[in-house]
Amino acid sequence: MQKVMGHNNSLNKKLIEHLSQFVFERRFNLFNEVIKYRTRYVTVVLEDIFQAQNASAVLRTCDCMGVQDVHVIENRNKFNVDSEVDMGASKWLTLKRYNSKENNTLEAINNLRKNGYRIVATTPHTNDCSIKDFDITKGKFALLFGTELTGLSKNALDNADEFVRIPMYGFTESYNISVSVALTLYELTSRLRESEIDYLLSNSERDEIILDWLRATIRNAHLIEKRFVEDFDKHLM
């Protein structure tokens, strides 16, 4: 297993070196700068978001805040992106869709929990706390946000480990979903960056993501990569 991982890490580094020749130097330098601030310590989970403008605004916020992974649950509603609002943000994120099971919400939650995430529902609840009081030191956390009209499903609420709310001081009962994500991420990622928590990506994660960014940028990247991998494997034989 370690040999395979070592082979993959070595190949990824060589691939990055090779593919970087096909992009402008300033673009590749930007990749290396942005990746320094990416995190998977916090991730966002969207359940049944159906308005493309909201979906796109959320992705744009995640990119701006340095949150790499977005988990999309599609039970009743398909997740669509508005390119004018998205501004290309989805190209730089790792989107994980859950839409093939009878209970996609539970599948997403189980997958996240298996990967060490605390499941945190963003909704007023008897046992909730304000985002300002949320304990970021207890480990990685996945923030669940629900549909525009009714919020999170009972399934999501029943399987959450913790609950957080955003303070409100007006007559309206809730924030728009994209605003909720922006407020929550700004608060929690700001505190993360000021903390001593090791919240940044590992070197291997950085390499994998930069590779994805290069693939998303270079025309016919799959063909260039295929030829390179074939030559790489030949030299190992």
C-alpha atoms as a PDB file:
ATOM      1  CA  MET A   1       0.000   0.000   0.000  1.00  0.00           C
ATOM      2  CA  GLN A   2       2.817   2.413   0.918  1.00  0.00           C
ATOM      3  CA  LYS A   3       4.577   1.677  -2.385  1.00  0.00           C
ATOM      4  CA  VAL A   4       1.394   2.460  -4.297  1.00  0.00           C
ATOM      5  CA  MET A   5       0.907   5.713  -2.385  1.00  0.00           C
ATOM      6  CA  GLY A   6       4.551   6.639  -2.937  1.00  0.00           C
ATOM      7  CA  HIS A   7       4.187   5.907  -6.645  1.00  0.00           C
ATOM      8  CA  ASN A   8       1.059   8.073  -6.846  1.00  0.00           C
ATOM      9  CA  ASN A   9       2.667  10.963  -4.968  1.00  0.00           C
ATOM     10  CA  SER A  10       5.730  10.830  -7.193  1.00  0.00           C
ATOM     11  CA  LEU A  11       3.584  10.653 -10.330  1.00  0.00           C
ATOM     12  CA  ASN A  12       1.441  13.577  -9.203  1.00  0.00           C
ATOM     13  CA  LYS A  13       4.482  15.772  -8.653  1.00  0.00           C
ATOM     14  CA  LYS A  14       5.903  14.840 -12.055  1.00  0.00           C
ATOM     15  CA  LEU A  15       2.510  15.437 -13.682  1.00  0.00           C
ATOM     16  CA  ILE A  16       2.213  18.858 -12.109  1.00  0.00           C
ATOM     17  CA  GLU A  17       5.686  19.743 -13.343  1.00  0.00           C
ATOM     18  CA  HIS A  18       4.792  18.568 -16.840  1.00  0.00           C
ATOM     19  CA  LEU A  19       1.323  20.120 -17.100  1.00  0.00           C
ATOM     20  CA  SER A  20       2.483  23.441 -15.651  1.00  0.00           C
ATOM     21  CA  GLN A  21       4.317  24.004 -18.950  1.00  0.00           C
ATOM     22  CA  PHE A  22       0.932  24.338 -20.678  1.00  0.00           C
ATOM     23  CA  VAL A  23      -0.339  27.276 -18.595  1.00  0.00           C
ATOM     24  CA  PHE A  24       0.924  30.825 -18.181  1.00  0.00           C
ATOM     25  CA  GLU A  25       3.479  31.160 -15.380  1.00  0.00           C
ATOM     26  CA  ARG A  26       1.342  33.730 -13.571  1.00  0.00           C
ATOM     27  CA  ARG A  27      -1.623  31.309 -13.562  1.00  0.00           C
ATOM     28  CA  PHE A  28       0.489  28.492 -12.110  1.00  0.00           C
ATOM     29  CA  ASN A  29       1.934  30.847  -9.496  1.00  0.00           C
ATOM     30  CA  LEU A  30      -1.620  31.826  -8.550  1.00  0.00           C
ATOM     31  CA  PHE A  31      -2.518  28.131  -8.092  1.00  0.00           C
ATOM     32  CA  ASN A  32       0.403  27.728  -5.703  1.00  0.00           C
ATOM     33  CA  GLU A  33      -0.574  30.826  -3.770  1.00  0.00           C
ATOM     34  CA  VAL A  34      -4.283  29.991  -3.437  1.00  0.00           C
ATOM     35  CA  ILE A  35      -3.657  26.370  -2.395  1.00  0.00           C
ATOM     36  CA  LYS A  36      -1.774  27.583   0.694  1.00  0.00           C
ATOM     37  CA  TYR A  37      -5.052  28.759   2.229  1.00  0.00           C
ATOM     38  CA  ARG A  38      -7.357  25.899   1.231  1.00  0.00           C
ATOM     39  CA  THR A  39      -8.938  23.778   3.953  1.00  0.00           C
ATOM     40  CA  ARG A  40     -10.923  20.611   4.456  1.00  0.00           C
ATOM     41  CA  TYR A  41     -11.176  21.119   8.199  1.00  0.00           C
ATOM     42  CA  VAL A  42     -14.550  22.712   7.498  1.00  0.00           C
ATOM     43  CA  THR A  43     -16.806  21.587   4.680  1.00  0.00           C
ATOM     44  CA  VAL A  44     -20.228  22.657   3.443  1.00  0.00           C
ATOM     45  CA  VAL A  45     -23.206  20.364   2.835  1.00  0.00           C
ATOM     46  CA  LEU A  46     -26.168  21.607   0.784  1.00  0.00           C
ATOM     47  CA  GLU A  47     -29.428  19.694   1.004  1.00  0.00           C
ATOM     48  CA  ASP A  48     -31.922  20.124  -1.847  1.00  0.00           C
ATOM     49  CA  ILE A  49     -30.955  23.650  -2.906  1.00  0.00           C
ATOM     50  CA  PHE A  50     -33.033  24.336  -6.033  1.00  0.00           C
ATOM     51  CA  GLN A  51     -32.445  27.970  -6.996  1.00  0.00           C
ATOM     52  CA  ALA A  52     -29.455  28.219  -9.332  1.00  0.00           C
ATOM     53  CA  GLN A  53     -28.580  31.728  -8.176  1.00  0.00           C
ATOM     54  CA  ASN A  54     -28.394  30.621  -4.538  1.00  0.00           C
ATOM     55  CA  ALA A  55     -26.416  27.501  -5.400  1.00  0.00           C
ATOM     56  CA  SER A  56     -23.942  29.532  -7.429  1.00  0.00           C
ATOM     57  CA  ALA A  57     -23.546  32.225  -4.781  1.00  0.00           C
ATOM     58  CA  VAL A  58     -22.762  29.550  -2.192  1.00  0.00           C
ATOM     59  CA  LEU A  59     -20.046  28.033  -4.386  1.00  0.00           C
ATOM     60  CA  ARG A  60     -18.536  31.447  -4.980  1.00  0.00           C
ATOM     61  CA  THR A  61     -18.447  32.091  -1.215  1.00  0.00           C
ATOM     62  CA  CYS A  62     -16.820  28.712  -0.503  1.00  0.00           C
ATOM     63  CA  ASP A  63     -14.090  29.448  -3.021  1.00  0.00           C
ATOM     64  CA  CYS A  64     -13.493  32.927  -1.607  1.00  0.00           C
ATOM     65  CA  MET A  65     -13.319  31.563   1.953  1.00  0.00           C
ATOM     66  CA  GLY A  66     -10.885  28.794   1.027  1.00  0.00           C
ATOM     67  CA  VAL A  67     -13.283  25.897   1.668  1.00  0.00           C
ATOM     68  CA  GLN A  68     -12.359  23.218  -0.857  1.00  0.00           C
ATOM     69  CA  ASP A  69     -15.132  20.607  -0.593  1.00  0.00           C
ATOM     70  CA  VAL A  70     -18.860  21.099  -1.098  1.00  0.00           C
ATOM     71  CA  HIS A  71     -21.219  18.149  -0.627  1.00  0.00           C
ATOM     72  CA  VAL A  72     -24.437  18.397  -2.634  1.00  0.00           C
ATOM     73  CA  ILE A  73     -27.479  16.318  -1.630  1.00  0.00           C
ATOM     74  CA  GLU A  74     -30.098  15.949  -4.346  1.00  0.00           C
ATOM     75  CA  ASN A  75     -33.195  14.231  -2.967  1.00  0.00           C
ATOM     76  CA  ARG A  76     -36.028  16.142  -4.619  1.00  0.00           C
ATOM     77  CA  ASN A  77     -34.187  18.983  -6.337  1.00  0.00           C
ATOM     78  CA  LYS A  78     -31.347  18.949  -8.857  1.00  0.00           C
ATOM     79  CA  PHE A  79     -28.449  21.249  -8.039  1.00  0.00           C
ATOM     80  CA  ASN A  80     -27.937  23.703 -10.908  1.00  0.00           C
ATOM     81  CA  VAL A  81     -25.356  26.442 -11.298  1.00  0.00           C
ATOM     82  CA  ASP A  82     -25.818  29.889 -12.829  1.00  0.00           C
ATOM     83  CA  SER A  83     -22.522  30.664 -14.582  1.00  0.00           C
ATOM     84  CA  GLU A  84     -23.026  34.438 -14.337  1.00  0.00           C
ATOM     85  CA  VAL A  85     -23.288  34.234 -10.552  1.00  0.00           C
ATOM     86  CA  ASP A  86     -20.832  31.381 -10.111  1.00  0.00           C
ATOM     87  CA  MET A  87     -18.066  33.277 -11.942  1.00  0.00           C
ATOM     88  CA  GLY A  88     -16.182  30.010 -12.486  1.00  0.00           C
ATOM     89  CA  ALA A  89     -15.963  29.171  -8.775  1.00  0.00           C
ATOM     90  CA  SER A  90     -17.165  25.588  -9.235  1.00  0.00           C
ATOM     91  CA  LYS A  91     -14.111  24.886 -11.401  1.00  0.00           C
ATOM     92  CA  TRP A  92     -11.851  25.319  -8.373  1.00  0.00           C
ATOM     93  CA  LEU A  93     -13.929  23.358  -5.853  1.00  0.00           C
ATOM     94  CA  THR A  94     -14.317  19.644  -5.197  1.00  0.00           C
ATOM     95  CA  LEU A  95     -18.042  18.958  -5.578  1.00  0.00           C
ATOM     96  CA  LYS A  96     -19.364  15.678  -4.201  1.00  0.00           C
ATOM     97  CA  ARG A  97     -22.908  14.845  -5.281  1.00  0.00           C
ATOM     98  CA  TYR A  98     -25.275  12.435  -3.542  1.00  0.00           C
ATOM     99  CA  ASN A  99     -28.180  11.557  -5.829  1.00  0.00           C
ATOM    100  CA  SER A 100     -28.217   7.810  -6.433  1.00  0.00           C
ATOM    101  CA  LYS A 101     -29.619   6.415  -3.172  1.00  0.00           C
ATOM    102  CA  GLU A 102     -33.084   6.274  -1.679  1.00  0.00           C
ATOM    103  CA  ASN A 103     -31.795   8.330   1.250  1.00  0.00           C
ATOM    104  CA  ASN A 104     -29.081  10.628  -0.080  1.00  0.00           C
ATOM    105  CA  THR A 105     -29.000  12.726   3.087  1.00  0.00           C
ATOM    106  CA  LEU A 106     -28.089   9.755   5.248  1.00  0.00           C
ATOM    107  CA  GLU A 107     -25.503   8.585   2.723  1.00  0.00           C
ATOM    108  CA  ALA A 108     -23.797  11.993   2.810  1.00  0.00           C
ATOM    109  CA  ILE A 109     -23.855  12.166   6.606  1.00  0.00           C
ATOM    110  CA  ASN A 110     -22.485   8.626   6.991  1.00  0.00           C
ATOM    111  CA  ASN A 111     -19.728   9.359   4.484  1.00  0.00           C
ATOM    112  CA  LEU A 112     -18.729  12.543   6.279  1.00  0.00           C
ATOM    113  CA  ARG A 113     -18.820  10.931   9.711  1.00  0.00           C
ATOM    114  CA  LYS A 114     -16.682   8.043   8.427  1.00  0.00           C
ATOM    115  CA  ASN A 115     -14.124  10.661   7.376  1.00  0.00           C
ATOM    116  CA  GLY A 116     -14.008  12.188  10.837  1.00  0.00           C
ATOM    117  CA  TYR A 117     -16.436  15.092  10.486  1.00  0.00           C
ATOM    118  CA  ARG A 118     -18.783  16.370  13.167  1.00  0.00           C
ATOM    119  CA  ILE A 119     -22.218  16.859  11.605  1.00  0.00           C
ATOM    120  CA  VAL A 120     -23.393  20.387  12.387  1.00  0.00           C
ATOM    121  CA  ALA A 121     -26.872  21.523  11.395  1.00  0.00           C
ATOM    122  CA  THR A 122     -27.225  25.258  10.849  1.00  0.00           C
ATOM    123  CA  THR A 123     -30.663  25.886  12.299  1.00  0.00           C
ATOM    124  CA  PRO A 124     -32.249  27.140  15.534  1.00  0.00           C
ATOM    125  CA  HIS A 125     -32.641  24.196  17.930  1.00  0.00           C
ATOM    126  CA  THR A 126     -33.156  23.506  21.628  1.00  0.00           C
ATOM    127  CA  ASN A 127     -29.503  22.478  21.980  1.00  0.00           C
ATOM    128  CA  ASP A 128     -27.995  25.031  19.621  1.00  0.00           C
ATOM    129  CA  CYS A 129     -25.291  27.648  20.089  1.00  0.00           C
ATOM    130  CA  SER A 130     -24.434  30.843  18.252  1.00  0.00           C
ATOM    131  CA  ILE A 131     -21.801  30.617  15.500  1.00  0.00           C
ATOM    132  CA  LYS A 132     -19.734  32.964  17.702  1.00  0.00           C
ATOM    133  CA  ASP A 133     -19.703  30.336  20.471  1.00  0.00           C
ATOM    134  CA  PHE A 134     -19.234  27.270  18.285  1.00  0.00           C
ATOM    135  CA  ASP A 135     -16.202  25.219  19.364  1.00  0.00           C
ATOM    136  CA  ILE A 136     -13.896  24.846  16.359  1.00  0.00           C
ATOM    137  CA  THR A 137     -11.219  23.027  18.379  1.00  0.00           C
ATOM    138  CA  LYS A 138     -13.091  19.724  18.770  1.00  0.00           C
ATOM    139  CA  GLY A 139     -12.228  18.493  15.265  1.00  0.00           C
ATOM    140  CA  LYS A 140     -13.308  18.781  11.646  1.00  0.00           C
ATOM    141  CA  PHE A 141     -16.897  19.830  11.029  1.00  0.00           C
ATOM    142  CA  ALA A 142     -19.432  19.669   8.210  1.00  0.00           C
ATOM    143  CA  LEU A 143     -21.958  22.511   8.097  1.00  0.00           C
ATOM    144  CA  LEU A 144     -25.385  21.438   6.825  1.00  0.00           C
ATOM    145  CA  PHE A 145     -27.602  23.995   5.082  1.00  0.00           C
ATOM    146  CA  GLY A 146     -31.151  23.223   3.957  1.00  0.00           C
ATOM    147  CA  THR A 147     -33.497  24.120   1.160  1.00  0.00           C
ATOM    148  CA  GLU A 148     -34.628  27.720   0.649  1.00  0.00           C
ATOM    149  CA  LEU A 149     -38.233  27.196   1.763  1.00  0.00           C
ATOM    150  CA  THR A 150     -38.239  24.665   4.595  1.00  0.00           C
ATOM    151  CA  GLY A 151     -34.631  24.379   5.729  1.00  0.00           C
ATOM    152  CA  LEU A 152     -33.043  21.061   6.644  1.00  0.00           C
ATOM    153  CA  SER A 153     -35.041  17.856   6.480  1.00  0.00           C
ATOM    154  CA  LYS A 154     -36.048  15.901   9.586  1.00  0.00           C
ATOM    155  CA  ASN A 155     -33.599  13.247   8.463  1.00  0.00           C
ATOM    156  CA  ALA A 156     -30.742  15.732   8.558  1.00  0.00           C
ATOM    157  CA  LEU A 157     -31.792  17.149  11.917  1.00  0.00           C
ATOM    158  CA  ASP A 158     -32.226  13.717  13.493  1.00  0.00           C
ATOM    159  CA  ASN A 159     -28.715  12.688  12.452  1.00  0.00           C
ATOM    160  CA  ALA A 160     -26.862  15.893  13.354  1.00  0.00           C
ATOM    161  CA  ASP A 161     -24.311  15.904  16.164  1.00  0.00           C
ATOM    162  CA  GLU A 162     -24.537  19.625  16.924  1.00  0.00           C
ATOM    163  CA  PHE A 163     -26.609  22.685  16.040  1.00  0.00           C
ATOM    164  CA  VAL A 164     -25.585  26.271  15.370  1.00  0.00           C
ATOM    165  CA  ARG A 165     -27.596  29.395  14.645  1.00  0.00           C
ATOM    166  CA  ILE A 166     -26.814  32.794  13.192  1.00  0.00           C
ATOM    167  CA  PRO A 167     -27.930  35.669  15.440  1.00  0.00           C
ATOM    168  CA  MET A 168     -30.850  37.706  14.057  1.00  0.00           C
ATOM    169  CA  TYR A 169     -32.323  40.945  15.369  1.00  0.00           C
ATOM    170  CA  GLY A 170     -35.173  41.740  12.986  1.00  0.00           C
ATOM    171  CA  PHE A 171     -38.678  40.521  12.158  1.00  0.00           C
ATOM    172  CA  THR A 172     -37.684  38.128   9.359  1.00  0.00           C
ATOM    173  CA  GLU A 173     -37.327  34.520  10.522  1.00  0.00           C
ATOM    174  CA  SER A 174     -34.309  33.495   8.463  1.00  0.00           C
ATOM    175  CA  TYR A 175     -31.506  34.638   6.201  1.00  0.00           C
ATOM    176  CA  ASN A 176     -31.286  33.784   2.520  1.00  0.00           C
ATOM    177  CA  ILE A 177     -29.325  30.512   2.108  1.00  0.00           C
ATOM    178  CA  SER A 178     -26.391  32.180   0.359  1.00  0.00           C
ATOM    179  CA  VAL A 179     -26.197  34.839   3.071  1.00  0.00           C
ATOM    180  CA  SER A 180     -26.346  32.165   5.776  1.00  0.00           C
ATOM    181  CA  VAL A 181     -23.393  30.338   4.245  1.00  0.00           C
ATOM    182  CA  ALA A 182     -21.401  33.552   3.836  1.00  0.00           C
ATOM    183  CA  LEU A 183     -21.963  34.728   7.424  1.00  0.00           C
ATOM    184  CA  THR A 184     -21.217  31.320   8.911  1.00  0.00           C
ATOM    185  CA  LEU A 185     -18.076  30.674   6.885  1.00  0.00           C
ATOM    186  CA  TYR A 186     -16.706  34.160   7.434  1.00  0.00           C
ATOM    187  CA  GLU A 187     -17.059  33.803  11.192  1.00  0.00           C
ATOM    188  CA  LEU A 188     -15.678  30.276  11.485  1.00  0.00           C
ATOM    189  CA  THR A 189     -12.869  30.446   8.906  1.00  0.00           C
ATOM    190  CA  SER A 190     -11.692  33.757  10.372  1.00  0.00           C
ATOM    191  CA  ARG A 191     -11.399  32.098  13.764  1.00  0.00           C
ATOM    192  CA  LEU A 192      -9.653  29.092  12.223  1.00  0.00           C
ATOM    193  CA  ARG A 193      -6.982  31.298  10.641  1.00  0.00           C
ATOM    194  CA  GLU A 194      -6.365  33.015  13.957  1.00  0.00           C
ATOM    195  CA  SER A 195      -6.107  29.707  15.832  1.00  0.00           C
ATOM    196  CA  GLU A 196      -3.262  27.215  16.254  1.00  0.00           C
ATOM    197  CA  ILE A 197      -5.353  24.416  14.696  1.00  0.00           C
ATOM    198  CA  ASP A 198      -3.695  22.504  11.877  1.00  0.00           C
ATOM    199  CA  TYR A 199      -6.523  23.176   9.422  1.00  0.00           C
ATOM    200  CA  LEU A 200      -4.633  23.381   6.131  1.00  0.00           C
ATOM    201  CA  LEU A 201      -4.279  20.682   3.470  1.00  0.00           C
ATOM    202  CA  SER A 202      -1.558  18.039   3.492  1.00  0.00           C
ATOM    203  CA  ASN A 203       1.092  18.159   0.760  1.00  0.00           C
ATOM    204  CA  SER A 204      -0.491  15.221  -1.074  1.00  0.00           C
ATOM    205  CA  GLU A 205      -3.913  16.897  -0.958  1.00  0.00           C
ATOM    206  CA  ARG A 206      -2.406  20.081  -2.349  1.00  0.00           C
ATOM    207  CA  ASP A 207      -0.846  18.165  -5.224  1.00  0.00           C
ATOM    208  CA  GLU A 208      -4.111  16.385  -6.053  1.00  0.00           C
ATOM    209  CA  ILE A 209      -6.068  19.641  -6.129  1.00  0.00           C
ATOM    210  CA  ILE A 210      -3.486  21.546  -8.166  1.00  0.00           C
ATOM    211  CA  LEU A 211      -3.599  18.672 -10.646  1.00  0.00           C
ATOM    212  CA  ASP A 212      -7.370  19.047 -10.872  1.00  0.00           C
ATOM    213  CA  TRP A 213      -6.974  22.787 -11.446  1.00  0.00           C
ATOM    214  CA  LEU A 214      -4.466  22.195 -14.222  1.00  0.00           C
ATOM    215  CA  ARG A 215      -6.774  19.635 -15.832  1.00  0.00           C
ATOM    216  CA  ALA A 216      -9.631  22.127 -15.678  1.00  0.00           C
ATOM    217  CA  THR A 217      -7.491  24.814 -17.319  1.00  0.00           C
ATOM    218  CA  ILE A 218      -5.604  23.018 -20.092  1.00  0.00           C
ATOM    219  CA  ARG A 219      -7.321  22.070 -23.329  1.00  0.00           C
ATOM    220  CA  ASN A 220      -7.075  18.325 -24.026  1.00  0.00           C
ATOM    221  CA  ALA A 221      -5.348  17.832 -20.691  1.00  0.00           C
ATOM    222  CA  HIS A 222      -6.503  14.210 -20.558  1.00  0.00           C
ATOM    223  CA  LEU A 223      -4.587  13.387 -23.751  1.00  0.00           C
ATOM    224  CA  ILE A 224      -1.423  15.130 -22.570  1.00  0.00           C
ATOM    225  CA  GLU A 225      -1.688  13.331 -19.240  1.00  0.00           C
ATOM    226  CA  LYS A 226      -2.322   9.940 -20.845  1.00  0.00           C
ATOM    227  CA  ARG A 227       0.846  10.165 -22.921  1.00  0.00           C
ATOM    228  CA  PHE A 228       2.890  11.338 -19.955  1.00  0.00           C
ATOM    229  CA  VAL A 229       1.657   8.536 -17.653  1.00  0.00           C
ATOM    230  CA  GLU A 230       2.425   5.915 -20.293  1.00  0.00           C
ATOM    231  CA  ASP A 231       5.998   7.200 -20.602  1.00  0.00           C
ATOM    232  CA  PHE A 232       6.323   7.466 -16.811  1.00  0.00           C
ATOM    233  CA  ASP A 233       5.259   3.829 -16.314  1.00  0.00           C
ATOM    234  CA  LYS A 234       7.624   2.628 -19.046  1.00  0.00           C
ATOM    235  CA  HIS A 235      10.578   4.162 -17.248  1.00  0.00           C
ATOM    236  CA  LEU A 236       9.603   2.321 -14.051  1.00  0.00           C
ATOM    237  CA  MET A 237       9.541  -1.072 -15.756  1.00  0.00           C
END
